[in-house]
Amino acid sequence: MAYQTALKTGIIAVILLVTVILTTQQQPIQASDDNDGANPYCDKVSDNYQGTCHDRYDTDENGIATCNDGTHKDDPQDCKDATNNRGGAGTREDDGEFVAN
């Protein structure tokens, strides 16, 4: 009986520890689903970027991409980057870092 109680307590402690570890880790880049044109493309920001980005490769059921400027393209590579036209946005530098203008 004491062994079962100790085992249950140990399992609960491990679950709590794993939960704490997982919640304190850095969160990955989250793609934006709102397509408001305010977010840089996920493939243009660095791995250290902490903001929200727009996944232009997340196409609809017909394979059409929604660009961050609100237009729709057959090929996501044809999307222009609307963040170059708004204040406070930036572009990806040669070193891969997203830099504010």
PDB file of N, CA and C in Angstrom:
ATOM      1  N   MET A   1       0.828  -1.189   0.000  1.00  0.00           N
ATOM      2  CA  MET A   1       0.000   0.000   0.000  1.00  0.00           C
ATOM      3  C   MET A   1       0.874   1.255   0.000  1.00  0.00           C
ATOM      4  N   ALA A   2       1.890   1.304   0.838  1.00  0.00           N
ATOM      5  CA  ALA A   2       2.789   2.459   0.901  1.00  0.00           C
ATOM      6  C   ALA A   2       3.545   2.597  -0.416  1.00  0.00           C
ATOM      7  N   TYR A   3       3.887   1.462  -1.032  1.00  0.00           N
ATOM      8  CA  TYR A   3       4.597   1.480  -2.307  1.00  0.00           C
ATOM      9  C   TYR A   3       3.729   2.123  -3.389  1.00  0.00           C
ATOM     10  N   GLN A   4       2.451   1.791  -3.418  1.00  0.00           N
ATOM     11  CA  GLN A   4       1.536   2.348  -4.419  1.00  0.00           C
ATOM     12  C   GLN A   4       1.355   3.848  -4.220  1.00  0.00           C
ATOM     13  N   THR A   5       1.270   4.275  -2.986  1.00  0.00           N
ATOM     14  CA  THR A   5       1.132   5.695  -2.697  1.00  0.00           C
ATOM     15  C   THR A   5       2.386   6.449  -3.123  1.00  0.00           C
ATOM     16  N   ALA A   6       3.546   5.897  -2.831  1.00  0.00           N
ATOM     17  CA  ALA A   6       4.798   6.531  -3.220  1.00  0.00           C
ATOM     18  C   ALA A   6       4.929   6.574  -4.742  1.00  0.00           C
ATOM     19  N   LEU A   7       4.506   5.531  -5.416  1.00  0.00           N
ATOM     20  CA  LEU A   7       4.558   5.484  -6.873  1.00  0.00           C
ATOM     21  C   LEU A   7       3.640   6.549  -7.485  1.00  0.00           C
ATOM     22  N   LYS A   8       2.430   6.678  -6.969  1.00  0.00           N
ATOM     23  CA  LYS A   8       1.491   7.695  -7.457  1.00  0.00           C
ATOM     24  C   LYS A   8       2.047   9.099  -7.228  1.00  0.00           C
ATOM     25  N   THR A   9       2.627   9.325  -6.056  1.00  0.00           N
ATOM     26  CA  THR A   9       3.211  10.627  -5.742  1.00  0.00           C
ATOM     27  C   THR A   9       4.370  10.937  -6.684  1.00  0.00           C
ATOM     28  N   GLY A  10       5.186   9.936  -6.956  1.00  0.00           N
ATOM     29  CA  GLY A  10       6.316  10.113  -7.877  1.00  0.00           C
ATOM     30  C   GLY A  10       5.849  10.431  -9.288  1.00  0.00           C
ATOM     31  N   ILE A  11       4.829   9.748  -9.748  1.00  0.00           N
ATOM     32  CA  ILE A  11       4.292   9.989 -11.091  1.00  0.00           C
ATOM     33  C   ILE A  11       3.731  11.402 -11.188  1.00  0.00           C
ATOM     34  N   ILE A  12       3.003  11.823 -10.170  1.00  0.00           N
ATOM     35  CA  ILE A  12       2.447  13.176 -10.153  1.00  0.00           C
ATOM     36  C   ILE A  12       3.575  14.214 -10.161  1.00  0.00           C
ATOM     37  N   ALA A  13       4.634  13.965  -9.400  1.00  0.00           N
ATOM     38  CA  ALA A  13       5.767  14.895  -9.357  1.00  0.00           C
ATOM     39  C   ALA A  13       6.439  15.000 -10.723  1.00  0.00           C
ATOM     40  N   VAL A  14       6.592  13.890 -11.416  1.00  0.00           N
ATOM     41  CA  VAL A  14       7.207  13.899 -12.745  1.00  0.00           C
ATOM     42  C   VAL A  14       6.329  14.660 -13.735  1.00  0.00           C
ATOM     43  N   ILE A  15       5.033  14.448 -13.680  1.00  0.00           N
ATOM     44  CA  ILE A  15       4.107  15.144 -14.578  1.00  0.00           C
ATOM     45  C   ILE A  15       4.178  16.654 -14.335  1.00  0.00           C
ATOM     46  N   LEU A  16       4.203  17.065 -13.079  1.00  0.00           N
ATOM     47  CA  LEU A  16       4.308  18.488 -12.763  1.00  0.00           C
ATOM     48  C   LEU A  16       5.631  19.075 -13.241  1.00  0.00           C
ATOM     49  N   LEU A  17       6.709  18.341 -13.073  1.00  0.00           N
ATOM     50  CA  LEU A  17       8.021  18.807 -13.509  1.00  0.00           C
ATOM     51  C   LEU A  17       8.056  18.982 -15.027  1.00  0.00           C
ATOM     52  N   VAL A  18       7.544  18.018 -15.748  1.00  0.00           N
ATOM     53  CA  VAL A  18       7.508  18.105 -17.210  1.00  0.00           C
ATOM     54  C   VAL A  18       6.642  19.281 -17.649  1.00  0.00           C
ATOM     55  N   THR A  19       5.524  19.487 -16.980  1.00  0.00           N
ATOM     56  CA  THR A  19       4.648  20.611 -17.307  1.00  0.00           C
ATOM     57  C   THR A  19       5.368  21.937 -17.112  1.00  0.00           C
ATOM     58  N   VAL A  20       6.089  22.088 -16.016  1.00  0.00           N
ATOM     59  CA  VAL A  20       6.829  23.320 -15.743  1.00  0.00           C
ATOM     60  C   VAL A  20       7.913  23.523 -16.799  1.00  0.00           C
ATOM     61  N   ILE A  21       8.630  22.487 -17.145  1.00  0.00           N
ATOM     62  CA  ILE A  21       9.694  22.603 -18.144  1.00  0.00           C
ATOM     63  C   ILE A  21       9.124  23.018 -19.495  1.00  0.00           C
ATOM     64  N   LEU A  22       8.035  22.399 -19.898  1.00  0.00           N
ATOM     65  CA  LEU A  22       7.446  22.707 -21.200  1.00  0.00           C
ATOM     66  C   LEU A  22       6.876  24.119 -21.263  1.00  0.00           C
ATOM     67  N   THR A  23       6.318  24.605 -20.177  1.00  0.00           N
ATOM     68  CA  THR A  23       5.716  25.940 -20.195  1.00  0.00           C
ATOM     69  C   THR A  23       6.746  27.058 -20.089  1.00  0.00           C
ATOM     70  N   THR A  24       7.948  26.765 -19.631  1.00  0.00           N
ATOM     71  CA  THR A  24       8.967  27.799 -19.493  1.00  0.00           C
ATOM     72  C   THR A  24       9.891  27.872 -20.692  1.00  0.00           C
ATOM     73  N   GLN A  25       9.785  26.958 -21.635  1.00  0.00           N
ATOM     74  CA  GLN A  25      10.619  27.004 -22.831  1.00  0.00           C
ATOM     75  C   GLN A  25      10.148  28.107 -23.751  1.00  0.00           C
ATOM     76  N   GLN A  26      11.087  28.605 -24.592  1.00  0.00           N
ATOM     77  CA  GLN A  26      10.751  29.654 -25.556  1.00  0.00           C
ATOM     78  C   GLN A  26       9.723  29.118 -26.541  1.00  0.00           C
ATOM     79  N   GLN A  27       8.713  29.930 -26.804  1.00  0.00           N
ATOM     80  CA  GLN A  27       7.649  29.536 -27.719  1.00  0.00           C
ATOM     81  C   GLN A  27       8.119  29.695 -29.163  1.00  0.00           C
ATOM     82  N   PRO A  28       7.749  28.781 -30.051  1.00  0.00           N
ATOM     83  CA  PRO A  28       8.140  28.888 -31.451  1.00  0.00           C
ATOM     84  C   PRO A  28       7.372  30.007 -32.157  1.00  0.00           C
ATOM     85  N   ILE A  29       7.841  30.350 -33.337  1.00  0.00           N
ATOM     86  CA  ILE A  29       7.145  31.348 -34.148  1.00  0.00           C
ATOM     87  C   ILE A  29       5.764  30.826 -34.485  1.00  0.00           C
ATOM     88  N   GLN A  30       4.774  31.659 -34.293  1.00  0.00           N
ATOM     89  CA  GLN A  30       3.401  31.290 -34.610  1.00  0.00           C
ATOM     90  C   GLN A  30       2.967  31.990 -35.883  1.00  0.00           C
ATOM     91  N   ALA A  31       2.462  31.248 -36.811  1.00  0.00           N
ATOM     92  CA  ALA A  31       1.961  31.841 -38.044  1.00  0.00           C
ATOM     93  C   ALA A  31       0.635  32.530 -37.776  1.00  0.00           C
ATOM     94  N   SER A  32       0.422  33.626 -38.451  1.00  0.00           N
ATOM     95  CA  SER A  32      -0.809  34.377 -38.286  1.00  0.00           C
ATOM     96  C   SER A  32      -1.886  33.849 -39.213  1.00  0.00           C
ATOM     97  N   ASP A  33      -3.102  33.707 -38.692  1.00  0.00           N
ATOM     98  CA  ASP A  33      -4.230  33.286 -39.507  1.00  0.00           C
ATOM     99  C   ASP A  33      -5.123  34.450 -39.879  1.00  0.00           C
ATOM    100  N   ASP A  34      -4.834  35.652 -39.351  1.00  0.00           N
ATOM    101  CA  ASP A  34      -5.739  36.762 -39.583  1.00  0.00           C
ATOM    102  C   ASP A  34      -5.476  37.496 -40.900  1.00  0.00           C
ATOM    103  N   ASN A  35      -4.320  37.292 -41.516  1.00  0.00           N
ATOM    104  CA  ASN A  35      -3.991  37.863 -42.820  1.00  0.00           C
ATOM    105  C   ASN A  35      -4.253  39.365 -42.883  1.00  0.00           C
ATOM    106  N   ASP A  36      -3.891  40.082 -41.826  1.00  0.00           N
ATOM    107  CA  ASP A  36      -4.162  41.512 -41.791  1.00  0.00           C
ATOM    108  C   ASP A  36      -3.082  42.335 -42.479  1.00  0.00           C
ATOM    109  N   GLY A  37      -2.070  41.703 -43.016  1.00  0.00           N
ATOM    110  CA  GLY A  37      -1.023  42.414 -43.732  1.00  0.00           C
ATOM    111  C   GLY A  37      -0.005  43.077 -42.838  1.00  0.00           C
ATOM    112  N   ALA A  38      -0.103  42.927 -41.552  1.00  0.00           N
ATOM    113  CA  ALA A  38       0.794  43.616 -40.629  1.00  0.00           C
ATOM    114  C   ALA A  38       1.999  42.782 -40.234  1.00  0.00           C
ATOM    115  N   ASN A  39       2.049  41.534 -40.642  1.00  0.00           N
ATOM    116  CA  ASN A  39       3.096  40.641 -40.159  1.00  0.00           C
ATOM    117  C   ASN A  39       4.068  40.251 -41.266  1.00  0.00           C
ATOM    118  N   PRO A  40       5.373  40.160 -40.940  1.00  0.00           N
ATOM    119  CA  PRO A  40       6.348  39.710 -41.935  1.00  0.00           C
ATOM    120  C   PRO A  40       6.134  38.227 -42.251  1.00  0.00           C
ATOM    121  N   TYR A  41       6.652  37.793 -43.384  1.00  0.00           N
ATOM    122  CA  TYR A  41       6.528  36.382 -43.755  1.00  0.00           C
ATOM    123  C   TYR A  41       7.394  35.520 -42.837  1.00  0.00           C
ATOM    124  N   CYS A  42       6.854  34.372 -42.430  1.00  0.00           N
ATOM    125  CA  CYS A  42       7.570  33.472 -41.523  1.00  0.00           C
ATOM    126  C   CYS A  42       8.903  33.020 -42.113  1.00  0.00           C
ATOM    127  N   ASP A  43       8.963  32.857 -43.442  1.00  0.00           N
ATOM    128  CA  ASP A  43      10.202  32.409 -44.069  1.00  0.00           C
ATOM    129  C   ASP A  43      11.209  33.540 -44.261  1.00  0.00           C
ATOM    130  N   LYS A  44      10.857  34.763 -43.836  1.00  0.00           N
ATOM    131  CA  LYS A  44      11.758  35.909 -43.964  1.00  0.00           C
ATOM    132  C   LYS A  44      12.333  36.365 -42.630  1.00  0.00           C
ATOM    133  N   VAL A  45      11.831  35.845 -41.517  1.00  0.00           N
ATOM    134  CA  VAL A  45      12.321  36.276 -40.201  1.00  0.00           C
ATOM    135  C   VAL A  45      13.344  35.280 -39.679  1.00  0.00           C
ATOM    136  N   SER A  46      14.164  35.732 -38.755  1.00  0.00           N
ATOM    137  CA  SER A  46      15.183  34.860 -38.170  1.00  0.00           C
ATOM    138  C   SER A  46      14.551  33.912 -37.156  1.00  0.00           C
ATOM    139  N   ASP A  47      15.312  32.928 -36.765  1.00  0.00           N
ATOM    140  CA  ASP A  47      14.844  31.980 -35.752  1.00  0.00           C
ATOM    141  C   ASP A  47      14.643  32.657 -34.400  1.00  0.00           C
ATOM    142  N   ASN A  48      15.267  33.812 -34.185  1.00  0.00           N
ATOM    143  CA  ASN A  48      15.155  34.536 -32.911  1.00  0.00           C
ATOM    144  C   ASN A  48      13.974  35.494 -32.880  1.00  0.00           C
ATOM    145  N   TYR A  49      13.262  35.638 -33.995  1.00  0.00           N
ATOM    146  CA  TYR A  49      12.145  36.574 -34.077  1.00  0.00           C
ATOM    147  C   TYR A  49      11.073  36.188 -33.070  1.00  0.00           C
ATOM    148  N   GLN A  50      10.608  37.139 -32.278  1.00  0.00           N
ATOM    149  CA  GLN A  50       9.655  36.870 -31.205  1.00  0.00           C
ATOM    150  C   GLN A  50       8.219  37.237 -31.559  1.00  0.00           C
ATOM    151  N   GLY A  51       7.997  37.898 -32.680  1.00  0.00           N
ATOM    152  CA  GLY A  51       6.657  38.353 -33.031  1.00  0.00           C
ATOM    153  C   GLY A  51       5.852  37.322 -33.796  1.00  0.00           C
ATOM    154  N   THR A  52       4.704  37.763 -34.258  1.00  0.00           N
ATOM    155  CA  THR A  52       3.830  36.929 -35.066  1.00  0.00           C
ATOM    156  C   THR A  52       4.215  37.108 -36.521  1.00  0.00           C
ATOM    157  N   CYS A  53       4.146  36.030 -37.286  1.00  0.00           N
ATOM    158  CA  CYS A  53       4.488  36.122 -38.702  1.00  0.00           C
ATOM    159  C   CYS A  53       3.364  35.545 -39.556  1.00  0.00           C
ATOM    160  N   HIS A  54       3.449  35.815 -40.853  1.00  0.00           N
ATOM    161  CA  HIS A  54       2.424  35.398 -41.816  1.00  0.00           C
ATOM    162  C   HIS A  54       2.987  34.234 -42.637  1.00  0.00           C
ATOM    163  N   ASP A  55       2.292  33.104 -42.633  1.00  0.00           N
ATOM    164  CA  ASP A  55       2.735  31.928 -43.385  1.00  0.00           C
ATOM    165  C   ASP A  55       2.100  31.956 -44.770  1.00  0.00           C
ATOM    166  N   ARG A  56       2.850  32.447 -45.754  1.00  0.00           N
ATOM    167  CA  ARG A  56       2.309  32.541 -47.113  1.00  0.00           C
ATOM    168  C   ARG A  56       2.193  31.181 -47.786  1.00  0.00           C
ATOM    169  N   TYR A  57       2.802  30.153 -47.198  1.00  0.00           N
ATOM    170  CA  TYR A  57       2.715  28.804 -47.773  1.00  0.00           C
ATOM    171  C   TYR A  57       1.514  28.034 -47.239  1.00  0.00           C
ATOM    172  N   ASP A  58       0.742  28.648 -46.372  1.00  0.00           N
ATOM    173  CA  ASP A  58      -0.499  28.039 -45.872  1.00  0.00           C
ATOM    174  C   ASP A  58      -1.598  28.384 -46.878  1.00  0.00           C
ATOM    175  N   THR A  59      -1.743  27.523 -47.883  1.00  0.00           N
ATOM    176  CA  THR A  59      -2.666  27.800 -48.980  1.00  0.00           C
ATOM    177  C   THR A  59      -4.068  27.281 -48.676  1.00  0.00           C
ATOM    178  N   ASP A  60      -5.037  27.789 -49.439  1.00  0.00           N
ATOM    179  CA  ASP A  60      -6.404  27.315 -49.271  1.00  0.00           C
ATOM    180  C   ASP A  60      -6.587  25.971 -49.980  1.00  0.00           C
ATOM    181  N   GLU A  61      -7.820  25.483 -49.995  1.00  0.00           N
ATOM    182  CA  GLU A  61      -8.085  24.162 -50.567  1.00  0.00           C
ATOM    183  C   GLU A  61      -7.804  24.089 -52.068  1.00  0.00           C
ATOM    184  N   ASN A  62      -7.693  25.247 -52.728  1.00  0.00           N
ATOM    185  CA  ASN A  62      -7.386  25.290 -54.161  1.00  0.00           C
ATOM    186  C   ASN A  62      -5.911  25.555 -54.436  1.00  0.00           C
ATOM    187  N   GLY A  63      -5.107  25.636 -53.387  1.00  0.00           N
ATOM    188  CA  GLY A  63      -3.682  25.887 -53.549  1.00  0.00           C
ATOM    189  C   GLY A  63      -3.330  27.352 -53.717  1.00  0.00           C
ATOM    190  N   ILE A  64      -4.262  28.244 -53.408  1.00  0.00           N
ATOM    191  CA  ILE A  64      -4.036  29.681 -53.551  1.00  0.00           C
ATOM    192  C   ILE A  64      -3.485  30.236 -52.238  1.00  0.00           C
ATOM    193  N   ALA A  65      -2.404  31.000 -52.355  1.00  0.00           N
ATOM    194  CA  ALA A  65      -1.780  31.607 -51.174  1.00  0.00           C
ATOM    195  C   ALA A  65      -2.358  32.989 -50.923  1.00  0.00           C
ATOM    196  N   THR A  66      -2.544  33.331 -49.649  1.00  0.00           N
ATOM    197  CA  THR A  66      -2.933  34.685 -49.276  1.00  0.00           C
ATOM    198  C   THR A  66      -1.673  35.408 -48.825  1.00  0.00           C
ATOM    199  N   CYS A  67      -1.361  36.507 -49.493  1.00  0.00           N
ATOM    200  CA  CYS A  67      -0.165  37.284 -49.187  1.00  0.00           C
ATOM    201  C   CYS A  67      -0.450  38.231 -48.019  1.00  0.00           C
ATOM    202  N   ASN A  68       0.627  38.758 -47.403  1.00  0.00           N
ATOM    203  CA  ASN A  68       0.421  39.637 -46.255  1.00  0.00           C
ATOM    204  C   ASN A  68      -0.099  41.013 -46.647  1.00  0.00           C
ATOM    205  N   ASP A  69      -0.238  41.280 -47.942  1.00  0.00           N
ATOM    206  CA  ASP A  69      -0.868  42.524 -48.388  1.00  0.00           C
ATOM    207  C   ASP A  69      -2.333  42.310 -48.752  1.00  0.00           C
ATOM    208  N   GLY A  70      -2.829  41.080 -48.544  1.00  0.00           N
ATOM    209  CA  GLY A  70      -4.230  40.772 -48.793  1.00  0.00           C
ATOM    210  C   GLY A  70      -4.521  40.222 -50.180  1.00  0.00           C
ATOM    211  N   THR A  71      -3.519  40.225 -51.068  1.00  0.00           N
ATOM    212  CA  THR A  71      -3.730  39.667 -52.398  1.00  0.00           C
ATOM    213  C   THR A  71      -3.621  38.150 -52.357  1.00  0.00           C
ATOM    214  N   HIS A  72      -4.035  37.496 -53.432  1.00  0.00           N
ATOM    215  CA  HIS A  72      -3.981  36.039 -53.535  1.00  0.00           C
ATOM    216  C   HIS A  72      -3.163  35.662 -54.763  1.00  0.00           C
ATOM    217  N   LYS A  73      -2.280  34.691 -54.605  1.00  0.00           N
ATOM    218  CA  LYS A  73      -1.398  34.274 -55.692  1.00  0.00           C
ATOM    219  C   LYS A  73      -1.395  32.761 -55.817  1.00  0.00           C
ATOM    220  N   ASP A  74      -1.202  32.282 -57.063  1.00  0.00           N
ATOM    221  CA  ASP A  74      -1.059  30.846 -57.292  1.00  0.00           C
ATOM    222  C   ASP A  74       0.249  30.336 -56.699  1.00  0.00           C
ATOM    223  N   ASP A  75       1.298  31.152 -56.772  1.00  0.00           N
ATOM    224  CA  ASP A  75       2.622  30.789 -56.272  1.00  0.00           C
ATOM    225  C   ASP A  75       2.973  31.710 -55.105  1.00  0.00           C
ATOM    226  N   PRO A  76       3.162  31.163 -53.901  1.00  0.00           N
ATOM    227  CA  PRO A  76       3.484  31.998 -52.736  1.00  0.00           C
ATOM    228  C   PRO A  76       4.732  32.859 -52.933  1.00  0.00           C
ATOM    229  N   GLN A  77       5.658  32.416 -53.788  1.00  0.00           N
ATOM    230  CA  GLN A  77       6.865  33.201 -54.042  1.00  0.00           C
ATOM    231  C   GLN A  77       6.548  34.508 -54.772  1.00  0.00           C
ATOM    232  N   ASP A  78       5.380  34.594 -55.411  1.00  0.00           N
ATOM    233  CA  ASP A  78       4.987  35.811 -56.108  1.00  0.00           C
ATOM    234  C   ASP A  78       4.423  36.881 -55.175  1.00  0.00           C
ATOM    235  N   CYS A  79       4.242  36.540 -53.910  1.00  0.00           N
ATOM    236  CA  CYS A  79       3.710  37.503 -52.948  1.00  0.00           C
ATOM    237  C   CYS A  79       4.723  38.604 -52.674  1.00  0.00           C
ATOM    238  N   LYS A  80       4.265  39.858 -52.776  1.00  0.00           N
ATOM    239  CA  LYS A  80       5.113  40.981 -52.382  1.00  0.00           C
ATOM    240  C   LYS A  80       5.037  41.106 -50.856  1.00  0.00           C
ATOM    241  N   ASP A  81       6.067  41.692 -50.261  1.00  0.00           N
ATOM    242  CA  ASP A  81       6.117  41.823 -48.810  1.00  0.00           C
ATOM    243  C   ASP A  81       5.588  43.190 -48.391  1.00  0.00           C
ATOM    244  N   ALA A  82       4.379  43.219 -47.847  1.00  0.00           N
ATOM    245  CA  ALA A  82       3.736  44.477 -47.441  1.00  0.00           C
ATOM    246  C   ALA A  82       4.414  45.109 -46.230  1.00  0.00           C
ATOM    247  N   THR A  83       5.204  44.373 -45.484  1.00  0.00           N
ATOM    248  CA  THR A  83       5.853  44.955 -44.301  1.00  0.00           C
ATOM    249  C   THR A  83       6.919  45.957 -44.696  1.00  0.00           C
ATOM    250  N   ASN A  84       7.375  45.940 -45.935  1.00  0.00           N
ATOM    251  CA  ASN A  84       8.347  46.940 -46.389  1.00  0.00           C
ATOM    252  C   ASN A  84       7.707  48.303 -46.562  1.00  0.00           C
ATOM    253  N   ASN A  85       6.365  48.356 -46.566  1.00  0.00           N
ATOM    254  CA  ASN A  85       5.655  49.603 -46.815  1.00  0.00           C
ATOM    255  C   ASN A  85       5.029  50.215 -45.573  1.00  0.00           C
ATOM    256  N   ARG A  86       5.203  49.627 -44.410  1.00  0.00           N
ATOM    257  CA  ARG A  86       4.549  50.170 -43.220  1.00  0.00           C
ATOM    258  C   ARG A  86       5.590  50.588 -42.202  1.00  0.00           C
ATOM    259  N   GLY A  87       5.272  51.563 -41.399  1.00  0.00           N
ATOM    260  CA  GLY A  87       6.190  52.038 -40.381  1.00  0.00           C
ATOM    261  C   GLY A  87       6.425  50.995 -39.317  1.00  0.00           C
ATOM    262  N   GLY A  88       7.641  50.891 -38.849  1.00  0.00           N
ATOM    263  CA  GLY A  88       7.991  49.971 -37.777  1.00  0.00           C
ATOM    264  C   GLY A  88       8.290  48.572 -38.254  1.00  0.00           C
ATOM    265  N   ALA A  89       8.082  48.305 -39.516  1.00  0.00           N
ATOM    266  CA  ALA A  89       8.377  46.974 -40.031  1.00  0.00           C
ATOM    267  C   ALA A  89       9.846  46.898 -40.388  1.00  0.00           C
ATOM    268  N   GLY A  90      10.266  45.765 -40.827  1.00  0.00           N
ATOM    269  CA  GLY A  90      11.648  45.606 -41.210  1.00  0.00           C
ATOM    270  C   GLY A  90      11.791  44.567 -42.279  1.00  0.00           C
ATOM    271  N   THR A  91      13.021  44.303 -42.627  1.00  0.00           N
ATOM    272  CA  THR A  91      13.304  43.296 -43.625  1.00  0.00           C
ATOM    273  C   THR A  91      14.388  42.382 -43.100  1.00  0.00           C
ATOM    274  N   ARG A  92      14.526  41.242 -43.739  1.00  0.00           N
ATOM    275  CA  ARG A  92      15.538  40.291 -43.320  1.00  0.00           C
ATOM    276  C   ARG A  92      16.886  40.727 -43.883  1.00  0.00           C
ATOM    277  N   GLU A  93      17.831  40.897 -43.017  1.00  0.00           N
ATOM    278  CA  GLU A  93      19.172  41.270 -43.419  1.00  0.00           C
ATOM    279  C   GLU A  93      19.905  40.032 -43.934  1.00  0.00           C
ATOM    280  N   ASP A  94      21.082  40.232 -44.523  1.00  0.00           N
ATOM    281  CA  ASP A  94      21.853  39.113 -45.053  1.00  0.00           C
ATOM    282  C   ASP A  94      22.211  38.091 -43.982  1.00  0.00           C
ATOM    283  N   ASP A  95      22.325  38.542 -42.740  1.00  0.00           N
ATOM    284  CA  ASP A  95      22.661  37.614 -41.659  1.00  0.00           C
ATOM    285  C   ASP A  95      21.445  36.866 -41.140  1.00  0.00           C
ATOM    286  N   GLY A  96      20.267  37.122 -41.731  1.00  0.00           N
ATOM    287  CA  GLY A  96      19.069  36.386 -41.349  1.00  0.00           C
ATOM    288  C   GLY A  96      18.283  37.031 -40.237  1.00  0.00           C
ATOM    289  N   GLU A  97      18.708  38.166 -39.744  1.00  0.00           N
ATOM    290  CA  GLU A  97      18.029  38.819 -38.624  1.00  0.00           C
ATOM    291  C   GLU A  97      16.974  39.792 -39.144  1.00  0.00           C
ATOM    292  N   PHE A  98      15.776  39.754 -38.583  1.00  0.00           N
ATOM    293  CA  PHE A  98      14.714  40.682 -38.955  1.00  0.00           C
ATOM    294  C   PHE A  98      14.975  41.979 -38.223  1.00  0.00           C
ATOM    295  N   VAL A  99      15.127  43.070 -38.964  1.00  0.00           N
ATOM    296  CA  VAL A  99      15.538  44.336 -38.370  1.00  0.00           C
ATOM    297  C   VAL A  99      14.468  45.385 -38.630  1.00  0.00           C
ATOM    298  N   ALA A 100      14.111  46.131 -37.598  1.00  0.00           N
ATOM    299  CA  ALA A 100      13.117  47.214 -37.731  1.00  0.00           C
ATOM    300  C   ALA A 100      13.721  48.340 -38.550  1.00  0.00           C
ATOM    301  N   ASN A 101      12.879  48.956 -39.376  1.00  0.00           N
ATOM    302  CA  ASN A 101      13.320  50.112 -40.186  1.00  0.00           C
ATOM    303  C   ASN A 101      13.354  51.357 -39.336  1.00  0.00           C
TER     304      ASN A 101
END
